[in-house]
Amino acid sequence: MDIIKNITIPELFDLSHSLAGDYLKNFVYPWEALGGIREFIISLGKTLSPEEYENPSENVWIHKTAKVFPSAYIGSPCIIGANTEVRHCAFIRECALIGEGCVIGNSAELKNVIIFDGVQTPHYNYVGDSILGYKSHMGAGSITSNVKSDKTNIAVKTGEEQIQSGMKKIGAMLGDFVEIGCNSVLNPGTIIGRNSSVYPTSSVRGIVPADSIYKGDGIIVRKK
């Protein structure tokens, strides 16, 4: 039961670091919030101050201090927070709530995500159907895999137990201050606890507890 408790929203995220804080309080597990992201962004966007946010296209709101490169694609719906940088050829496909002080980098692709403040996906990352906690960082080439090869529903594995999600698309849930090494793959339904790190080139499945290091091949050690 401790493992299950440790993958709840309050254990993974400081909700004060996202405009989605109140929305996420409606759920126990983070993946439960994925289905309503589109509607939430549209509803929230309509409440944002036009003195702070530009509205360059339907259901797209960009803070006036954000820096968006001309070559970036910003799909709808989307909110981009203050002092965030969206770099050359970034592809924000749709349904992205991006917090303050974030970096969305060269050729990074986002779809159906909540990105907390201070998150960095700076180089060639794919993040789909995922939630990235405060100041989490994805190394170059690391991605979230959000669909099983057999297209069946995803179960979140908690040791010998499983939580059936009833969903075919879940990427990864990264707690606050998580570090993902370069060229790692986070398999569908992966959850990384707060302050944990993943070694480069890892293929991660299941749950990595808080304050841990994933070294590869299922080897997890506690941080000292």
Protein backbone atom coordinates (compact mmCIF):
# COMPACT_ATOMS: atom_id res chain seq x y z
CA MET A 1 0.00 0.00 0.00
CA ASP A 2 2.94 2.39 0.58
CA ILE A 3 3.89 2.12 -3.10
CA ILE A 4 0.34 2.99 -4.15
CA LYS A 5 0.24 5.95 -1.77
CA ASN A 6 3.54 7.23 -3.14
CA ILE A 7 2.19 7.56 -6.68
CA THR A 8 -0.70 9.82 -5.76
CA ILE A 9 -0.78 13.41 -6.98
CA PRO A 10 0.14 15.04 -3.62
CA GLU A 11 3.15 12.75 -3.23
CA LEU A 12 4.49 13.54 -6.70
CA PHE A 13 3.78 17.24 -7.19
CA ASP A 14 3.85 20.58 -5.42
CA LEU A 15 0.61 21.87 -6.90
CA SER A 16 1.51 25.50 -6.22
CA HIS A 17 3.85 25.34 -9.22
CA SER A 18 1.18 24.91 -11.90
CA LEU A 19 -1.96 26.67 -13.07
CA ALA A 20 -3.42 23.16 -13.08
CA GLY A 21 -3.07 22.84 -9.30
CA ASP A 22 -6.78 23.12 -8.50
CA TYR A 23 -7.69 20.89 -11.44
CA LEU A 24 -5.33 18.13 -10.30
CA LYS A 25 -6.84 18.17 -6.81
CA ASN A 26 -9.90 16.47 -8.32
CA PHE A 27 -7.97 13.23 -8.87
CA VAL A 28 -6.08 10.63 -6.85
CA TYR A 29 -3.64 9.36 -9.49
CA PRO A 30 -2.09 11.68 -12.08
CA TRP A 31 -3.07 9.72 -15.17
CA GLU A 32 -6.73 10.22 -14.25
CA ALA A 33 -6.32 13.90 -15.20
CA LEU A 34 -5.22 13.23 -18.79
CA GLY A 35 -8.68 12.88 -20.29
CA GLY A 36 -9.81 16.38 -19.31
CA ILE A 37 -6.74 18.43 -20.23
CA ARG A 38 -8.26 19.86 -23.44
CA GLU A 39 -11.40 21.15 -21.75
CA PHE A 40 -9.43 22.45 -18.77
CA ILE A 41 -7.02 24.48 -20.92
CA ILE A 42 -9.85 26.08 -22.88
CA SER A 43 -11.74 26.95 -19.71
CA LEU A 44 -8.64 28.32 -17.97
CA GLY A 45 -7.47 30.27 -20.98
CA LYS A 46 -10.67 32.27 -21.13
CA THR A 47 -9.97 33.55 -17.59
CA LEU A 48 -6.43 34.78 -18.32
CA SER A 49 -5.77 38.51 -18.34
CA PRO A 50 -5.30 40.02 -21.84
CA GLU A 51 -2.87 42.43 -20.20
CA GLU A 52 -0.56 39.47 -19.47
CA TYR A 53 -1.35 36.98 -22.24
CA GLU A 54 -1.57 37.30 -25.99
CA ASN A 55 -4.23 35.28 -27.82
CA PRO A 56 -2.69 34.83 -31.28
CA SER A 57 -5.15 32.14 -32.40
CA GLU A 58 -8.22 30.36 -31.14
CA ASN A 59 -7.63 28.72 -27.74
CA VAL A 60 -3.94 29.62 -27.68
CA TRP A 61 -2.64 31.92 -24.93
CA ILE A 62 1.01 32.96 -24.69
CA HIS A 63 2.38 35.08 -21.86
CA LYS A 64 3.86 38.33 -23.11
CA THR A 65 7.21 37.55 -21.48
CA ALA A 66 7.50 34.14 -23.15
CA LYS A 67 9.92 33.77 -26.06
CA VAL A 68 8.54 31.70 -28.94
CA PHE A 69 10.79 31.20 -31.96
CA PRO A 70 9.12 31.92 -35.32
CA SER A 71 9.74 28.36 -36.50
CA ALA A 72 7.88 26.78 -33.55
CA TYR A 73 4.43 25.29 -34.12
CA ILE A 74 1.83 26.06 -31.45
CA GLY A 75 -1.28 23.90 -31.76
CA SER A 76 -4.59 24.41 -30.00
CA PRO A 77 -5.46 24.41 -27.16
CA CYS A 78 -2.32 25.65 -25.46
CA ILE A 79 -1.19 27.94 -22.66
CA ILE A 80 2.44 29.05 -22.39
CA GLY A 81 3.52 30.66 -19.13
CA ALA A 82 5.72 33.60 -18.21
CA ASN A 83 9.41 33.57 -19.15
CA THR A 84 9.14 30.24 -20.95
CA GLU A 85 11.23 29.66 -24.07
CA VAL A 86 9.87 27.65 -27.01
CA ARG A 87 12.82 27.08 -29.30
CA HIS A 88 13.46 26.47 -32.99
CA CYS A 89 11.13 23.90 -34.61
CA ALA A 90 9.42 22.89 -31.37
CA PHE A 91 6.14 21.10 -32.16
CA ILE A 92 3.44 21.73 -29.58
CA ARG A 93 0.86 19.56 -31.27
CA GLU A 94 -2.18 20.14 -29.04
CA CYS A 95 -3.47 20.17 -25.46
CA ALA A 96 -0.42 21.56 -23.69
CA LEU A 97 -0.42 23.55 -20.47
CA ILE A 98 3.14 24.83 -20.09
CA GLY A 99 4.18 26.60 -16.91
CA GLU A 100 6.52 29.48 -16.12
CA GLY A 101 10.25 29.44 -16.77
CA CYS A 102 10.18 26.31 -18.92
CA VAL A 103 12.31 25.34 -21.92
CA ILE A 104 10.69 23.51 -24.83
CA GLY A 105 13.58 22.81 -27.10
CA ASN A 106 14.64 22.11 -30.65
CA SER A 107 12.35 19.54 -32.29
CA ALA A 108 10.66 18.65 -29.01
CA GLU A 109 7.07 17.47 -29.45
CA LEU A 110 4.33 17.85 -26.83
CA LYS A 111 0.82 16.40 -26.88
CA ASN A 112 -1.80 16.27 -24.12
CA VAL A 113 0.49 17.31 -21.29
CA ILE A 114 0.70 19.33 -18.11
CA ILE A 115 4.15 20.85 -17.77
CA PHE A 116 4.84 22.36 -14.34
CA ASP A 117 6.96 25.49 -13.81
CA GLY A 118 10.68 25.23 -14.46
CA VAL A 119 10.51 22.06 -16.57
CA GLN A 120 13.05 21.51 -19.34
CA THR A 121 12.56 19.34 -22.43
CA PRO A 122 15.39 21.02 -24.34
CA HIS A 123 16.58 18.62 -27.06
CA TYR A 124 14.68 16.18 -29.29
CA ASN A 125 12.17 15.01 -26.71
CA TYR A 126 8.72 13.48 -27.22
CA VAL A 127 6.32 14.03 -24.32
CA GLY A 128 2.81 12.72 -24.83
CA ASP A 129 -0.07 12.04 -22.41
CA SER A 130 2.22 12.89 -19.54
CA ILE A 131 2.65 15.18 -16.54
CA LEU A 132 6.07 16.62 -15.73
CA GLY A 133 6.55 17.98 -12.20
CA TYR A 134 8.28 21.13 -11.02
CA LYS A 135 11.83 21.56 -12.34
CA SER A 136 11.95 18.10 -13.84
CA HIS A 137 14.39 17.71 -16.72
CA MET A 138 14.50 15.36 -19.69
CA GLY A 139 17.94 14.78 -21.17
CA ALA A 140 18.57 14.97 -24.90
CA GLY A 141 16.66 12.37 -26.87
CA SER A 142 14.70 11.00 -23.93
CA ILE A 143 11.04 10.28 -24.68
CA THR A 144 7.80 9.11 -23.18
CA SER A 145 6.26 6.10 -24.90
CA ASN A 146 2.50 6.40 -24.47
CA VAL A 147 0.99 3.40 -26.30
CA LYS A 148 1.67 -0.33 -25.84
CA SER A 149 2.74 -2.26 -28.90
CA ASP A 150 -0.41 -4.38 -28.76
CA LYS A 151 -2.62 -1.28 -28.25
CA THR A 152 -4.29 -2.74 -25.14
CA ASN A 153 -5.15 -0.75 -22.02
CA ILE A 154 -2.26 0.27 -19.79
CA ALA A 155 -1.82 -1.06 -16.26
CA VAL A 156 0.38 0.82 -13.82
CA LYS A 157 2.61 -1.81 -12.22
CA THR A 158 3.18 -1.44 -8.48
CA GLY A 159 5.43 -4.40 -7.75
CA GLU A 160 3.30 -7.55 -7.88
CA GLU A 161 0.12 -5.51 -8.07
CA GLN A 162 -1.37 -3.60 -10.98
CA ILE A 163 -3.70 -0.64 -11.20
CA GLN A 164 -5.85 -0.97 -14.28
CA SER A 165 -6.18 2.46 -15.90
CA GLY A 166 -8.79 1.62 -18.51
CA MET A 167 -6.78 3.85 -20.86
CA LYS A 168 -4.83 3.07 -24.02
CA LYS A 169 -2.63 6.16 -23.86
CA ILE A 170 -0.54 7.07 -20.82
CA GLY A 171 3.00 8.35 -21.06
CA ALA A 172 5.04 9.09 -17.95
CA MET A 173 4.43 10.92 -14.69
CA LEU A 174 7.56 12.67 -13.43
CA GLY A 175 7.57 14.01 -9.88
CA ASP A 176 9.20 17.28 -8.91
CA PHE A 177 12.97 17.59 -9.52
CA VAL A 178 13.23 14.37 -11.56
CA GLU A 179 16.23 13.97 -13.89
CA ILE A 180 15.96 11.73 -16.95
CA GLY A 181 19.22 10.76 -18.65
CA CYS A 182 19.86 11.18 -22.36
CA ASN A 183 18.24 8.77 -24.83
CA SER A 184 16.11 7.06 -22.19
CA VAL A 185 12.68 5.61 -22.94
CA LEU A 186 9.95 5.88 -20.32
CA ASN A 187 7.51 3.11 -21.19
CA PRO A 188 3.71 3.54 -20.97
CA GLY A 189 2.52 4.12 -17.40
CA THR A 190 5.97 4.81 -15.93
CA ILE A 191 6.02 6.88 -12.73
CA ILE A 192 9.19 8.48 -11.39
CA GLY A 193 9.04 9.71 -7.78
CA ARG A 194 10.22 13.08 -6.54
CA ASN A 195 13.96 13.83 -6.60
CA SER A 196 14.80 10.65 -8.51
CA SER A 197 17.20 10.19 -11.43
CA VAL A 198 17.35 7.83 -14.39
CA TYR A 199 20.68 6.84 -15.96
CA PRO A 200 21.19 7.61 -19.67
CA THR A 201 19.97 5.08 -22.28
CA SER A 202 17.64 3.39 -19.78
CA SER A 203 14.37 1.68 -20.66
CA VAL A 204 12.15 2.29 -17.65
CA ARG A 205 8.91 0.51 -16.82
CA GLY A 206 6.77 0.68 -13.69
CA ILE A 207 7.55 2.80 -10.66
CA VAL A 208 10.80 4.38 -9.52
CA PRO A 209 10.36 5.48 -5.87
CA ALA A 210 11.18 8.98 -4.66
CA ASP A 211 14.81 9.83 -3.85
CA SER A 212 16.14 6.96 -5.96
CA ILE A 213 18.46 6.28 -8.88
CA TYR A 214 17.40 4.00 -11.73
CA LYS A 215 20.63 2.46 -13.03
CA GLY A 216 19.16 0.25 -15.75
CA ASP A 217 17.79 -3.29 -16.09
CA GLY A 218 15.45 -2.70 -13.18
CA ILE A 219 18.27 -1.84 -10.76
CA ILE A 220 17.10 0.88 -8.39
CA VAL A 221 19.11 2.24 -5.46
CA ARG A 222 18.26 4.85 -2.87
CA LYS A 223 20.07 8.17 -3.06
CA LYS A 224 22.48 8.74 -0.17
